[in-house]
Amino acid sequence: MMNEAEKLSRLADLAREGIPADVDAAHDAAERARFVEAVSRGAALRRVGALGRVDTWLRSLGFSPLHAGRARWGFAIAGAAALALALVALWPSRRLDYAVEGAPGAAGGYIAAAAEEARLRFTDGTTVALSPGSALRVAEVDAAGARMLLEDGRASLRVTPRPKARWSVEAGPFAVLVTGTAFDVSWTRGDGTLRVELHEGSVTVRGPLAPDGLPLRAGQRLVARMREGDVQISSGDAAGAAGSAAGPAQQGPSSASAAPPGGERNTGPGDVEGDAGAARPGSSRAEGAPAGSPPDGSEAPDGAAAPSWAKRVAAGDFRSVLAEAEQRGLGGVLDHGSLDDLVALADAARYARRGDVAQRALTATRKRFPGTSHGKAAAFLLGRMVDDGGSPGAAVAWYDAYLAESPGGPFAAEALGRKMVAVERTGGRAAARPVAELYLKRHPRGAHAPVARDLVKP
């Protein structure tokens, strides 16, 4: 026999099954309002029979007839309102639905735009326009939103803002998280390039190159290149800073001099003790001052605190971070700066093609903060830098260090894939085959899966 909770759950299931699939959000809201009105009206009609009992009860408590009349009307109205509110709270949230235009053969959530644009229209008003030649799969849909997989091409989304809305677009190893906004996202599967152009609202982009997520604001554009291992953010107010670096932001070849990890697992090689970047008197930041604040702890000229280095990096303002680090004294920052300072400095240097500074910042991160996620991730980033600099053998040692420290970390798939390629370059196909087999076992749909499948062929 069902208990009360099971009965309520079954009632909700029956209600969901009975709601037509073509009912839109506006119609649903109107029906809820009608339902609440009907409950309130029915409760008011039934109060006549109950008022006599209420009247007797109130008189027993010493209320006068006048007071009793007022009280019983108040009880009746309050009771009807409480019942209506309870029913609204228990009303089941209905799963969103969508219709596809321009792709008549769409089935099972897979939509491929052939010669013309395909469009998805969700019942909350959200639209997704798929450019010709693009392919997208709707993986999950619920009352809060949908999770979509952009397999290749370009999609333009206009997400209707709603409380507790939850939408995401996954492209390769990246995910664009959004609640209500307008943006374009494109994914080129062949070279592993993601582009996000944000027109309204805000989104967060997560992936191997941005494990903690990179927030974007309206007017910004993000380009992430898996092969080069770089992320570039540009905007109207940061275009000069980001665009003045020669060519796309990427790792500098000067990092090839970094050696592989040695005997002490959590410290990196190539530590530089004292050089032209050593701290100058009065230039290093006071202990405890916020990251990116002026050396003397003062505020910015306009009275507001200076933006942190992390915020400047997120906005694409890499050059100001590097300039301030040099003004404070690079050696002092590396020896005494906070973890946030070092991470932001390393990111700014990598994106601005200052491989020498990036290497020193990553090495300092591992040396001073070995147990943190950033300290462990620095091993992978150092491996990628020396790999791109032409030293695959040294890179393999760094990749192994990262995989040993963070086997399930955010860079695990890329570290193993890059190790596979580096091993092939240094030892040939036979040496890389075991790594390829391990990669396919752990990451069968990863970015390096095509290369791995080719390596395991007899």
Protein backbone atom coordinates (compact mmCIF):
# COMPACT_ATOMS: atom_id res chain seq x y z
CA MET A 1 0.00 0.00 0.00
CA MET A 2 1.39 3.44 -0.94
CA ASN A 3 2.20 5.99 1.75
CA GLU A 4 1.32 9.68 1.41
CA ALA A 5 4.65 10.64 -0.21
CA GLU A 6 4.31 7.84 -2.78
CA LYS A 7 0.74 8.92 -3.54
CA LEU A 8 1.85 12.51 -4.10
CA SER A 9 4.70 11.36 -6.32
CA ARG A 10 2.33 9.19 -8.36
CA LEU A 11 -0.10 12.10 -8.70
CA ALA A 12 2.71 14.29 -10.01
CA ASP A 13 3.68 11.61 -12.55
CA LEU A 14 0.09 11.39 -13.79
CA ALA A 15 -0.08 15.17 -14.06
CA ARG A 16 3.10 15.26 -16.15
CA GLU A 17 1.85 12.52 -18.44
CA GLY A 18 -1.45 14.30 -18.95
CA ILE A 19 0.03 17.64 -19.99
CA PRO A 20 0.12 17.96 -23.80
CA ALA A 21 3.60 18.30 -25.29
CA ASP A 22 2.62 21.37 -27.33
CA VAL A 23 1.61 23.54 -24.34
CA ASP A 24 3.88 26.56 -24.18
CA ALA A 25 5.15 28.34 -21.07
CA ALA A 26 2.58 31.17 -21.23
CA HIS A 27 -0.32 28.72 -21.51
CA ASP A 28 1.09 26.69 -18.63
CA ALA A 29 1.26 29.79 -16.40
CA ALA A 30 -2.31 30.73 -17.29
CA GLU A 31 -3.55 27.25 -16.42
CA ARG A 32 -1.81 27.40 -13.07
CA ALA A 33 -3.50 30.73 -12.33
CA ARG A 34 -6.90 29.27 -13.25
CA PHE A 35 -6.24 26.29 -11.00
CA VAL A 36 -5.38 28.49 -8.02
CA GLU A 37 -8.46 30.63 -8.64
CA ALA A 38 -10.68 27.54 -8.77
CA VAL A 39 -9.24 26.20 -5.50
CA SER A 40 -9.78 29.53 -3.79
CA ARG A 41 -13.37 29.78 -5.09
CA GLY A 42 -14.19 26.23 -4.03
CA ALA A 43 -12.77 26.84 -0.57
CA ALA A 44 -14.91 29.96 -0.25
CA LEU A 45 -18.07 28.03 -1.18
CA ARG A 46 -17.30 25.28 1.31
CA ARG A 47 -16.68 27.71 4.14
CA VAL A 48 -20.46 28.10 4.71
CA GLY A 49 -20.70 24.63 6.22
CA ALA A 50 -17.54 25.12 8.23
CA LEU A 51 -18.37 28.59 9.53
CA GLY A 52 -20.98 27.22 11.90
CA ARG A 53 -18.40 25.01 13.56
CA VAL A 54 -15.90 27.88 13.63
CA ASP A 55 -18.54 30.17 15.19
CA THR A 56 -19.27 27.68 17.97
CA TRP A 57 -15.57 27.22 18.65
CA LEU A 58 -14.91 30.97 18.78
CA ARG A 59 -17.81 31.54 21.16
CA SER A 60 -16.38 28.87 23.46
CA LEU A 61 -13.17 30.89 23.53
CA GLY A 62 -15.05 34.03 24.63
CA PHE A 63 -15.22 35.96 21.34
CA SER A 64 -18.25 38.23 20.84
CA PRO A 65 -20.45 37.65 17.75
CA LEU A 66 -18.89 40.70 16.03
CA HIS A 67 -15.37 39.54 16.69
CA ALA A 68 -16.33 35.99 15.84
CA GLY A 69 -17.64 37.09 12.45
CA ARG A 70 -14.45 38.93 11.62
CA ALA A 71 -12.26 36.09 12.82
CA ARG A 72 -14.06 33.34 10.95
CA TRP A 73 -13.88 35.28 7.68
CA GLY A 74 -10.18 35.81 8.30
CA PHE A 75 -9.62 32.13 8.99
CA ALA A 76 -11.50 31.13 5.85
CA ILE A 77 -9.58 33.49 3.59
CA ALA A 78 -6.23 32.57 5.14
CA GLY A 79 -7.01 28.88 4.78
CA ALA A 80 -7.91 29.20 1.11
CA ALA A 81 -4.78 31.24 0.40
CA ALA A 82 -2.56 28.77 2.23
CA LEU A 83 -4.06 25.86 0.30
CA ALA A 84 -3.57 27.64 -3.00
CA LEU A 85 0.07 28.47 -2.22
CA ALA A 86 0.75 24.89 -1.18
CA LEU A 87 -0.71 23.53 -4.42
CA VAL A 88 1.38 25.95 -6.50
CA ALA A 89 4.53 24.86 -4.65
CA LEU A 90 3.71 21.20 -5.26
CA TRP A 91 2.79 21.70 -8.93
CA PRO A 92 5.30 19.62 -10.91
CA SER A 93 7.93 21.52 -12.95
CA ARG A 94 7.38 20.57 -16.56
CA ARG A 95 10.23 19.48 -18.79
CA LEU A 96 11.00 21.85 -21.65
CA ASP A 97 10.34 20.70 -25.18
CA TYR A 98 11.65 21.94 -28.51
CA ALA A 99 10.87 21.90 -32.21
CA VAL A 100 13.40 21.72 -35.07
CA GLU A 101 13.11 23.80 -38.22
CA GLY A 102 15.22 23.36 -41.36
CA ALA A 103 16.42 19.81 -40.57
CA PRO A 104 13.52 17.45 -41.34
CA GLY A 105 15.61 14.33 -40.78
CA ALA A 106 16.49 15.24 -37.18
CA ALA A 107 15.97 12.33 -34.81
CA GLY A 108 17.12 11.27 -31.37
CA GLY A 109 18.26 14.79 -30.51
CA TYR A 110 20.79 14.91 -33.38
CA ILE A 111 20.43 17.92 -35.69
CA ALA A 112 22.60 18.45 -38.77
CA ALA A 113 22.23 21.62 -40.84
CA ALA A 114 22.89 20.79 -44.48
CA ALA A 115 22.62 23.51 -47.13
CA GLU A 116 20.56 25.89 -45.00
CA GLU A 117 20.34 27.01 -41.40
CA ALA A 118 18.58 24.77 -38.88
CA ARG A 119 16.83 26.25 -35.86
CA LEU A 120 15.71 24.85 -32.51
CA ARG A 121 12.85 26.57 -30.68
CA PHE A 122 12.37 25.67 -27.01
CA THR A 123 9.07 26.15 -25.20
CA ASP A 124 10.55 28.83 -22.90
CA GLY A 125 11.43 31.01 -25.90
CA THR A 126 15.10 30.02 -26.19
CA THR A 127 16.35 29.60 -29.76
CA VAL A 128 19.43 27.94 -31.22
CA ALA A 129 20.38 28.71 -34.83
CA LEU A 130 22.72 26.15 -36.39
CA SER A 131 24.80 27.36 -39.35
CA PRO A 132 24.91 25.30 -42.58
CA GLY A 133 27.34 22.39 -42.31
CA SER A 134 27.11 22.29 -38.51
CA ALA A 135 26.00 19.41 -36.30
CA LEU A 136 24.59 19.49 -32.78
CA ARG A 137 23.10 16.96 -30.38
CA VAL A 138 20.60 17.75 -27.62
CA ALA A 139 21.91 15.45 -24.89
CA GLU A 140 19.63 16.37 -21.99
CA VAL A 141 16.52 18.50 -21.48
CA ASP A 142 14.71 19.26 -18.23
CA ALA A 143 12.61 22.04 -16.70
CA ALA A 144 15.69 24.23 -16.09
CA GLY A 145 17.22 24.08 -19.58
CA ALA A 146 19.24 21.80 -21.82
CA ARG A 147 22.71 20.38 -22.32
CA MET A 148 23.80 20.45 -25.96
CA LEU A 149 26.85 19.00 -27.70
CA LEU A 150 28.20 21.02 -30.62
CA GLU A 151 30.00 18.38 -32.66
CA ASP A 152 31.21 20.72 -35.38
CA GLY A 153 30.37 24.13 -36.81
CA ARG A 154 28.68 27.21 -35.39
CA ALA A 155 25.59 27.83 -33.27
CA SER A 156 23.95 31.12 -32.25
CA LEU A 157 22.00 30.98 -28.99
CA ARG A 158 19.44 33.35 -27.53
CA VAL A 159 18.67 31.97 -24.09
CA THR A 160 15.59 33.32 -22.32
CA PRO A 161 16.50 34.51 -18.79
CA ARG A 162 14.52 32.59 -16.15
CA PRO A 163 15.04 31.94 -12.43
CA LYS A 164 17.16 28.82 -11.87
CA ALA A 165 17.69 28.37 -15.62
CA ARG A 166 20.57 26.06 -16.50
CA TRP A 167 21.94 25.72 -20.04
CA SER A 168 25.25 24.51 -21.39
CA VAL A 169 26.89 23.96 -24.76
CA GLU A 170 29.74 21.46 -24.86
CA ALA A 171 32.24 21.57 -27.71
CA GLY A 172 35.03 19.03 -27.64
CA PRO A 173 36.59 19.21 -24.15
CA PHE A 174 35.08 22.65 -23.47
CA ALA A 175 31.76 23.68 -21.90
CA VAL A 176 30.01 27.07 -22.11
CA LEU A 177 27.77 27.55 -19.06
CA VAL A 178 24.93 30.08 -19.20
CA THR A 179 21.62 31.03 -17.56
CA GLY A 180 20.28 33.76 -19.87
CA THR A 181 22.20 35.53 -22.61
CA ALA A 182 22.95 35.82 -26.33
CA PHE A 183 26.15 34.42 -27.76
CA ASP A 184 27.70 32.58 -30.71
CA VAL A 185 29.86 29.50 -30.25
CA SER A 186 31.84 27.64 -32.89
CA TRP A 187 33.95 24.50 -32.70
CA THR A 188 36.34 23.29 -35.37
CA ARG A 189 36.87 19.63 -34.65
CA GLY A 190 39.73 19.30 -37.13
CA ASP A 191 42.13 21.64 -35.32
CA GLY A 192 40.44 21.76 -31.91
CA THR A 193 39.60 25.48 -31.92
CA LEU A 194 36.77 26.98 -29.85
CA ARG A 195 35.40 30.48 -30.42
CA VAL A 196 32.84 32.20 -28.22
CA GLU A 197 31.45 35.66 -29.01
CA LEU A 198 29.27 37.11 -26.25
CA HIS A 199 26.65 39.70 -27.22
CA GLU A 200 24.53 39.99 -24.05
CA GLY A 201 24.69 38.71 -20.49
CA SER A 202 27.57 36.58 -19.23
CA VAL A 203 28.90 33.05 -19.65
CA THR A 204 31.66 30.93 -18.19
CA VAL A 205 33.91 28.78 -20.37
CA ARG A 206 35.53 25.71 -18.82
CA GLY A 207 37.89 23.14 -20.26
CA PRO A 208 41.44 21.76 -20.18
CA LEU A 209 42.89 25.21 -20.88
CA ALA A 210 40.64 26.85 -18.26
CA PRO A 211 39.90 24.32 -15.50
CA ASP A 212 38.60 26.95 -13.08
CA GLY A 213 36.45 28.61 -15.72
CA LEU A 214 36.93 31.88 -17.60
CA PRO A 215 34.04 34.36 -17.21
CA LEU A 216 33.13 36.47 -20.24
CA ARG A 217 31.13 39.66 -20.30
CA ALA A 218 29.15 41.26 -23.10
CA GLY A 219 31.37 42.34 -26.00
CA GLN A 220 34.18 39.88 -25.31
CA ARG A 221 35.46 37.16 -27.61
CA LEU A 222 37.32 34.02 -26.55
CA VAL A 223 39.47 31.84 -28.80
CA ALA A 224 40.90 28.61 -27.40
CA ARG A 225 43.28 26.49 -29.47
CA MET A 226 43.89 22.98 -28.21
CA ARG A 227 46.87 22.26 -30.47
CA GLU A 228 48.72 25.42 -29.50
CA GLY A 229 47.51 25.14 -25.90
CA ASP A 230 46.48 28.78 -25.60
CA VAL A 231 43.43 30.88 -24.81
CA GLN A 232 42.96 34.46 -25.98
CA ILE A 233 40.28 36.86 -24.76
CA SER A 234 39.71 40.14 -26.55
CA SER A 235 37.23 42.96 -26.11
CA GLY A 236 36.71 46.56 -27.07
CA ASP A 237 38.56 47.91 -24.04
CA ALA A 238 41.29 45.23 -24.03
CA ALA A 239 41.91 44.83 -27.73
CA GLY A 240 44.94 47.07 -27.59
CA ALA A 241 46.49 45.12 -24.74
CA ALA A 242 45.77 41.66 -26.09
CA GLY A 243 46.26 42.46 -29.73
CA SER A 244 49.59 44.21 -29.36
CA ALA A 245 51.34 40.91 -28.64
CA ALA A 246 52.89 39.61 -31.85
CA GLY A 247 50.54 37.07 -33.37
CA PRO A 248 48.11 34.87 -31.43
CA ALA A 249 48.77 34.44 -27.72
CA GLN A 250 50.73 31.23 -27.22
CA GLN A 251 53.65 29.73 -25.38
CA GLY A 252 57.04 31.22 -26.14
CA PRO A 253 59.79 29.00 -27.52
CA SER A 254 62.24 30.31 -24.94
CA SER A 255 60.72 27.88 -22.44
CA ALA A 256 62.46 24.94 -24.08
CA SER A 257 65.37 25.28 -21.65
CA ALA A 258 63.26 23.99 -18.74
CA ALA A 259 64.53 20.62 -17.56
CA PRO A 260 62.35 17.66 -16.62
CA PRO A 261 61.46 17.08 -12.98
CA GLY A 262 64.26 15.72 -10.86
CA GLY A 263 64.47 13.89 -7.58
CA GLU A 264 62.04 16.06 -5.62
CA ARG A 265 58.66 15.48 -7.13
CA ASN A 266 56.91 18.70 -6.13
CA THR A 267 59.61 21.16 -7.12
CA GLY A 268 60.39 22.17 -10.64
CA PRO A 269 63.79 22.57 -12.25
CA GLY A 270 65.36 25.68 -13.57
CA ASP A 271 64.90 27.77 -10.42
CA VAL A 272 66.61 31.08 -11.03
CA GLU A 273 68.22 32.63 -7.98
CA GLY A 274 68.67 36.37 -8.27
CA ASP A 275 68.89 38.13 -11.63
CA ALA A 276 67.99 41.40 -13.23
CA GLY A 277 64.43 40.86 -12.06
CA ALA A 278 65.35 40.79 -8.37
CA ALA A 279 63.27 42.91 -6.05
CA ARG A 280 64.18 46.56 -5.87
CA PRO A 281 63.92 48.47 -2.59
CA GLY A 282 60.35 49.51 -1.91
CA SER A 283 58.96 47.80 -4.99
CA SER A 284 57.57 44.55 -3.63
CA ARG A 285 53.96 44.35 -2.45
CA ALA A 286 53.29 44.35 1.28
CA GLU A 287 52.43 40.95 2.73
CA GLY A 288 48.67 40.38 2.77
CA ALA A 289 47.86 43.05 0.18
CA PRO A 290 45.34 41.95 -2.44
CA ALA A 291 46.68 40.52 -5.67
CA GLY A 292 47.28 43.25 -8.21
CA SER A 293 47.19 46.09 -5.67
CA PRO A 294 49.77 48.91 -5.84
CA PRO A 295 53.11 48.22 -4.09
CA ASP A 296 52.40 50.59 -1.19
CA GLY A 297 48.91 49.21 -0.62
CA SER A 298 47.26 52.44 -1.76
CA GLU A 299 44.17 52.62 -3.89
CA ALA A 300 43.92 53.45 -7.54
CA PRO A 301 43.88 57.17 -8.46
CA ASP A 302 40.08 57.25 -8.76
CA GLY A 303 39.68 55.91 -5.22
CA ALA A 304 38.67 52.37 -6.23
CA ALA A 305 40.85 49.35 -5.56
CA ALA A 306 42.91 48.32 -8.58
CA PRO A 307 41.56 45.24 -10.39
CA SER A 308 43.27 42.04 -9.34
CA TRP A 309 45.71 40.42 -11.72
CA ALA A 310 43.30 37.51 -12.20
CA LYS A 311 40.56 39.90 -13.33
CA ARG A 312 42.93 41.66 -15.71
CA VAL A 313 44.00 38.36 -17.24
CA ALA A 314 40.33 37.36 -17.65
CA ALA A 315 39.75 40.67 -19.45
CA GLY A 316 42.72 40.08 -21.77
CA ASP A 317 44.88 42.79 -20.18
CA PHE A 318 48.08 40.74 -20.05
CA ARG A 319 50.57 43.53 -20.59
CA SER A 320 49.56 45.54 -17.51
CA VAL A 321 50.07 42.46 -15.31
CA LEU A 322 53.56 41.94 -16.71
CA ALA A 323 54.39 45.62 -16.42
CA GLU A 324 53.27 45.78 -12.80
CA ALA A 325 55.17 42.61 -11.91
CA GLU A 326 58.35 44.11 -13.34
CA GLN A 327 57.70 47.40 -11.58
CA ARG A 328 57.25 45.60 -8.25
CA GLY A 329 60.31 43.48 -8.94
CA LEU A 330 59.89 40.14 -10.63
CA GLY A 331 62.13 38.34 -8.15
CA GLY A 332 60.12 39.68 -5.23
CA VAL A 333 56.83 38.59 -6.77
CA LEU A 334 58.17 35.09 -7.42
CA ASP A 335 59.56 34.75 -3.89
CA HIS A 336 56.85 36.46 -1.86
CA GLY A 337 53.76 36.90 -4.06
CA SER A 338 50.51 35.11 -3.26
CA LEU A 339 49.40 31.98 -5.08
CA ASP A 340 46.85 34.06 -7.00
CA ASP A 341 49.64 36.43 -8.05
CA LEU A 342 51.82 33.63 -9.37
CA VAL A 343 49.00 31.91 -11.26
CA ALA A 344 47.86 35.16 -12.88
CA LEU A 345 51.45 36.14 -13.74
CA ALA A 346 52.11 32.75 -15.35
CA ASP A 347 48.89 33.00 -17.39
CA ALA A 348 49.62 36.55 -18.49
CA ALA A 349 53.16 35.61 -19.53
CA ARG A 350 52.00 32.55 -21.47
CA TYR A 351 49.29 34.44 -23.32
CA ALA A 352 51.65 37.35 -24.11
CA ARG A 353 54.37 34.97 -25.38
CA ARG A 354 56.77 35.68 -22.50
CA GLY A 355 57.88 32.09 -22.05
CA ASP A 356 60.81 33.02 -19.81
CA VAL A 357 58.57 34.72 -17.26
CA ALA A 358 55.93 32.01 -17.52
CA GLN A 359 58.51 29.29 -16.82
CA ARG A 360 59.79 31.09 -13.73
CA ALA A 361 56.29 31.74 -12.41
CA LEU A 362 55.24 28.12 -12.89
CA THR A 363 58.42 26.85 -11.29
CA ALA A 364 57.87 29.15 -8.30
CA THR A 365 54.28 27.92 -8.01
CA ARG A 366 55.43 24.31 -7.76
CA LYS A 367 58.20 25.15 -5.33
CA ARG A 368 56.17 27.31 -2.95
CA PHE A 369 52.72 25.72 -3.26
CA PRO A 370 53.41 22.05 -4.07
CA GLY A 371 50.21 20.56 -2.62
CA THR A 372 47.74 22.85 -4.37
CA SER A 373 45.89 22.12 -7.58
CA HIS A 374 47.75 25.01 -9.22
CA GLY A 375 51.09 23.63 -8.05
CA LYS A 376 50.29 20.27 -9.61
CA ALA A 377 48.89 21.84 -12.80
CA ALA A 378 52.15 23.75 -13.23
CA ALA A 379 53.86 20.43 -14.06
CA PHE A 380 51.57 19.96 -17.04
CA LEU A 381 51.98 23.57 -18.18
CA LEU A 382 55.76 23.32 -17.97
CA GLY A 383 55.63 20.09 -19.98
CA ARG A 384 53.51 21.73 -22.63
CA MET A 385 55.89 24.65 -22.84
CA VAL A 386 59.00 22.54 -23.34
CA ASP A 387 57.05 20.30 -25.73
CA ASP A 388 56.06 23.27 -27.88
CA GLY A 389 59.63 24.52 -27.60
CA GLY A 390 60.99 21.40 -29.30
CA SER A 391 61.98 19.14 -26.38
CA PRO A 392 59.47 16.23 -26.38
CA GLY A 393 61.71 14.05 -24.24
CA ALA A 394 61.78 16.60 -21.43
CA ALA A 395 58.05 17.13 -21.86
CA VAL A 396 57.28 13.44 -21.24
CA ALA A 397 58.89 13.66 -17.81
CA TRP A 398 56.70 16.64 -16.91
CA TYR A 399 53.57 14.92 -18.21
CA ASP A 400 54.40 11.85 -16.13
CA ALA A 401 54.87 14.06 -13.07
CA TYR A 402 51.46 15.63 -13.57
CA LEU A 403 49.70 12.30 -14.20
CA ALA A 404 51.30 10.85 -11.06
CA GLU A 405 50.20 13.80 -8.94
CA SER A 406 46.76 14.36 -10.54
CA PRO A 407 45.60 11.17 -12.31
CA GLY A 408 42.06 12.51 -12.43
CA GLY A 409 42.98 16.18 -12.79
CA PRO A 410 41.56 18.62 -15.36
CA PHE A 411 44.59 18.20 -17.65
CA ALA A 412 44.81 14.40 -17.37
CA ALA A 413 43.40 13.65 -20.83
CA GLU A 414 45.55 16.28 -22.55
CA ALA A 415 48.66 15.26 -20.61
CA LEU A 416 48.26 11.62 -21.62
CA GLY A 417 47.49 12.56 -25.23
CA ARG A 418 50.47 14.87 -25.49
CA LYS A 419 52.68 12.24 -23.86
CA MET A 420 51.56 9.75 -26.52
CA VAL A 421 52.50 12.13 -29.33
CA ALA A 422 55.81 13.03 -27.67
CA VAL A 423 56.71 9.36 -27.18
CA GLU A 424 55.99 8.68 -30.85
CA ARG A 425 58.26 11.54 -31.85
CA THR A 426 61.12 10.31 -29.69
CA GLY A 427 60.65 6.52 -29.74
CA GLY A 428 58.46 5.69 -32.73
CA ARG A 429 55.05 4.07 -33.16
CA ALA A 430 55.89 0.88 -31.26
CA ALA A 431 56.89 2.83 -28.17
CA ALA A 432 53.77 5.02 -28.34
CA ARG A 433 51.30 2.13 -28.85
CA PRO A 434 50.92 1.24 -25.13
CA VAL A 435 50.28 4.91 -24.33
CA ALA A 436 47.71 5.08 -27.13
CA GLU A 437 45.93 1.99 -25.79
CA LEU A 438 45.81 3.51 -22.31
CA TYR A 439 44.50 6.79 -23.74
CA LEU A 440 41.65 5.07 -25.60
CA LYS A 441 40.75 3.12 -22.48
CA ARG A 442 40.53 6.24 -20.35
CA HIS A 443 39.39 8.83 -22.91
CA PRO A 444 37.72 7.06 -25.86
CA ARG A 445 36.16 10.32 -27.07
CA GLY A 446 39.05 12.61 -26.21
CA ALA A 447 40.67 15.14 -28.53
CA HIS A 448 43.63 12.79 -29.20
CA ALA A 449 41.47 9.70 -29.84
CA PRO A 450 41.91 9.78 -33.66
CA VAL A 451 45.70 9.77 -33.29
CA ALA A 452 45.51 7.02 -30.68
CA ARG A 453 43.33 4.82 -32.90
CA ASP A 454 45.81 5.21 -35.73
CA LEU A 455 48.68 4.19 -33.45
CA VAL A 456 47.00 1.00 -32.25
CA LYS A 457 46.42 -0.25 -35.76
CA PRO A 458 48.58 -3.31 -36.58
